[in-house]
Protein backbone atom coordinates (compact mmCIF):
# COMPACT_ATOMS: atom_id res chain seq x y z
CA MET A 1 -8.76 -14.84 -2.83
CA PRO A 2 -6.55 -12.74 -0.64
CA LYS A 3 -8.08 -9.68 0.69
CA HIS A 4 -8.03 -7.53 3.59
CA ALA A 5 -8.85 -4.54 5.31
CA GLU A 6 -7.14 -2.09 8.90
CA LYS A 7 -7.60 0.99 10.32
CA ARG A 8 -5.58 2.24 12.45
CA VAL A 9 -3.75 5.32 13.94
CA LEU A 10 -0.44 6.83 13.29
CA ALA A 11 1.21 10.00 14.96
CA TYR A 12 1.39 11.67 12.31
CA ARG A 13 -0.20 14.11 10.62
CA ALA A 14 -2.68 12.59 7.32
CA ASP A 15 -0.84 14.76 4.73
CA GLN A 16 2.63 13.40 6.12
CA ILE A 17 1.32 9.05 5.54
CA PHE A 18 -0.33 10.29 2.12
CA ASP A 19 2.73 11.82 0.53
CA LEU A 20 4.41 8.66 2.25
CA VAL A 21 2.48 6.38 -0.11
CA ALA A 22 2.08 8.60 -3.18
CA ASP A 23 5.83 8.44 -3.16
CA VAL A 24 5.48 4.77 -5.57
CA GLY A 25 8.38 5.76 -7.64
CA ARG A 26 10.56 5.57 -3.71
CA TYR A 27 9.00 2.13 -2.64
CA PRO A 28 11.71 0.03 -3.63
CA GLU A 29 13.93 1.35 -0.91
CA PHE A 30 11.17 0.32 1.40
CA LEU A 31 8.61 -2.27 0.02
CA PRO A 32 9.65 -6.00 1.35
CA TRP A 33 9.11 -7.92 -2.97
CA CYS A 34 8.81 -4.57 -4.57
CA VAL A 35 11.82 -5.08 -6.10
CA ALA A 36 11.19 -1.59 -9.16
CA ALA A 37 9.09 0.90 -9.55
CA ARG A 38 9.13 3.46 -12.14
CA VAL A 39 6.37 5.91 -12.55
CA ARG A 40 5.54 6.45 -16.49
CA THR A 41 2.96 9.79 -15.88
CA ARG A 42 2.38 12.63 -12.68
CA THR A 43 0.38 15.33 -11.44
CA ALA A 44 -1.20 16.09 -8.74
CA THR A 45 -4.32 14.45 -8.75
CA GLU A 46 -3.02 11.16 -11.14
CA LEU A 47 -0.13 8.91 -11.84
CA VAL A 48 0.75 5.41 -13.66
CA ALA A 49 2.98 3.65 -12.93
CA ASP A 50 4.71 0.47 -13.39
CA LEU A 51 5.69 -2.07 -9.88
CA THR A 52 8.54 -5.37 -10.07
CA VAL A 53 7.45 -7.60 -7.17
CA GLY A 54 8.63 -10.41 -6.10
CA PHE A 55 9.13 -13.08 -3.55
CA GLY A 56 11.32 -16.69 -4.00
CA PRO A 57 11.32 -17.73 -7.19
CA PHE A 58 8.65 -15.63 -8.68
CA ARG A 59 9.32 -11.60 -10.18
CA GLU A 60 5.79 -9.83 -11.73
CA SER A 61 5.47 -6.48 -12.73
CA PHE A 62 2.32 -4.53 -13.42
CA THR A 63 0.30 -1.20 -14.52
CA SER A 64 -1.49 0.40 -11.88
CA ARG A 65 -2.72 3.59 -12.14
CA VAL A 66 -3.10 5.87 -9.03
CA THR A 67 -5.46 8.63 -8.32
CA LEU A 68 -4.06 11.49 -5.49
CA ASN A 69 -7.02 13.21 -3.48
CA ARG A 70 -4.63 14.89 -1.21
CA PRO A 71 -4.57 14.24 1.77
CA GLY A 72 -7.95 11.98 1.65
CA THR A 73 -6.81 9.32 -0.22
CA ILE A 74 -5.26 7.27 -3.04
CA MET A 75 -7.25 4.98 -5.15
CA VAL A 76 -5.40 1.79 -7.25
CA GLN A 77 -7.11 0.75 -10.21
CA TYR A 78 -5.36 -0.97 -12.23
CA GLU A 79 -4.76 -1.56 -15.53
CA LYS A 80 -2.07 -4.25 -17.21
CA GLY A 81 -0.10 -7.52 -15.91
CA PRO A 82 -0.70 -10.60 -14.14
CA PHE A 83 -3.26 -10.01 -12.24
CA ARG A 84 -7.69 -10.33 -12.85
CA TYR A 85 -8.59 -7.12 -10.95
CA LEU A 86 -6.67 -5.67 -8.11
CA ARG A 87 -8.56 -3.39 -5.72
CA ASN A 88 -6.44 -1.67 -3.41
CA VAL A 89 -7.92 1.54 -1.04
CA TRP A 90 -5.72 4.33 1.24
CA LYS A 91 -7.76 6.25 3.76
CA PHE A 92 -6.45 9.43 5.50
CA THR A 93 -7.79 11.32 7.83
CA PRO A 94 -7.47 13.31 10.72
CA ASP A 95 -7.42 12.34 14.43
CA PRO A 96 -6.75 13.36 17.12
CA ARG A 97 -3.79 11.51 18.14
CA GLY A 98 -2.37 11.87 14.70
CA CYS A 99 -3.98 10.33 11.60
CA LEU A 100 -6.45 6.75 10.89
CA VAL A 101 -5.67 5.19 8.16
CA GLU A 102 -7.87 3.12 7.04
CA PHE A 103 -6.13 0.45 4.14
CA PHE A 104 -7.71 -1.83 1.96
CA VAL A 105 -6.52 -4.66 -0.62
CA ASP A 106 -7.84 -7.13 -2.64
CA PHE A 107 -6.66 -9.36 -6.30
CA GLU A 108 -6.58 -11.77 -7.19
CA PHE A 109 -3.56 -13.72 -9.91
CA ARG A 110 -4.40 -14.86 -12.85
CA SER A 111 -1.92 -18.25 -12.26
CA ARG A 112 -3.38 -20.22 -10.05
CA ILE A 113 0.03 -20.80 -8.58
CA LEU A 114 0.84 -17.52 -8.02
CA GLN A 115 -2.23 -17.63 -6.84
CA ALA A 116 -1.36 -20.07 -4.18
CA ALA A 117 2.32 -18.68 -3.99
CA ILE A 118 1.08 -15.35 -2.42
CA GLY A 119 -2.03 -17.63 -0.50
CA VAL A 120 0.76 -18.81 1.42
CA VAL A 121 2.69 -15.88 2.64
CA PHE A 122 -0.24 -12.84 2.27
CA GLY A 123 -1.39 -12.35 5.67
CA GLU A 124 2.81 -12.25 6.57
CA ALA A 125 2.57 -10.02 2.83
CA VAL A 126 0.97 -7.45 4.86
CA ARG A 127 2.08 -7.42 8.19
CA LEU A 128 5.56 -6.45 6.52
CA MET A 129 4.51 -4.30 4.04
CA VAL A 130 2.72 -2.32 7.03
CA SER A 131 5.30 -1.95 8.90
CA ALA A 132 7.82 -0.94 6.52
CA PHE A 133 4.88 2.19 5.87
CA LEU A 134 5.87 3.09 9.65
CA ARG A 135 9.89 2.58 9.51
CA ARG A 136 9.88 4.52 6.75
CA ALA A 137 7.64 7.37 8.40
CA ARG A 138 9.85 7.07 11.37
CA GLU A 139 12.95 7.74 9.22
CA VAL A 140 11.49 10.55 7.18
CA TYR A 141 9.53 12.12 10.04
CA GLY A 142 11.10 11.74 12.59
CA PRO A 143 9.86 9.27 15.69
CA PRO A 144 5.93 9.79 16.78
CA GLU A 145 4.82 12.65 19.42
CA THR A 146 3.29 9.64 20.80
CA ALA A 147 2.78 5.35 20.49
CA ALA A 148 -0.22 5.94 18.98
CA THR A 149 -0.17 3.00 17.51
CA LEU A 150 -3.64 1.33 17.50
CA PRO A 151 -4.18 -1.76 15.22
CA GLU A 152 -7.45 -2.83 14.65
CA GLU A 153 -9.05 -5.61 12.03
CA HIS A 154 -12.31 -4.79 10.62
CA PRO A 155 -14.26 -6.55 8.19
CA VAL A 156 -13.91 -6.54 4.47
CA ALA A 157 -16.68 -4.92 2.30
CA GLN A 158 -17.76 -5.59 -0.72
């Protein structure tokens, strides 16, 4: 099943990156394969959203409950849709160079066809998604004051 864990130091504040990730309704504006987003409910600590992702001939919608612990963590709990399960966690920690961002995603589609299709492009999809958030940060907050990106792969915790 596709899993990915990554840590990067970004030259932005933790609250800025938290706000970008928490702004689920704007994902279709910048996130590859996100073709629609609808936030059903939102409070300061939680939101429920429907996302539609599309790649190639596939288009799937799903519902998630997102716990917002500003500015430290965002946890995504899958509720309804084409997955057997979906786990997604973002952690944001202040760092002298900006913000340490820890990203983890693990999922499995119910459909073997979808699972096989995403397996082929998963690595590239994650790289494009991370790049999309970096571009979005530059668009919203301007260029970082220092070039403080430090990609570092880490084993996936079980």
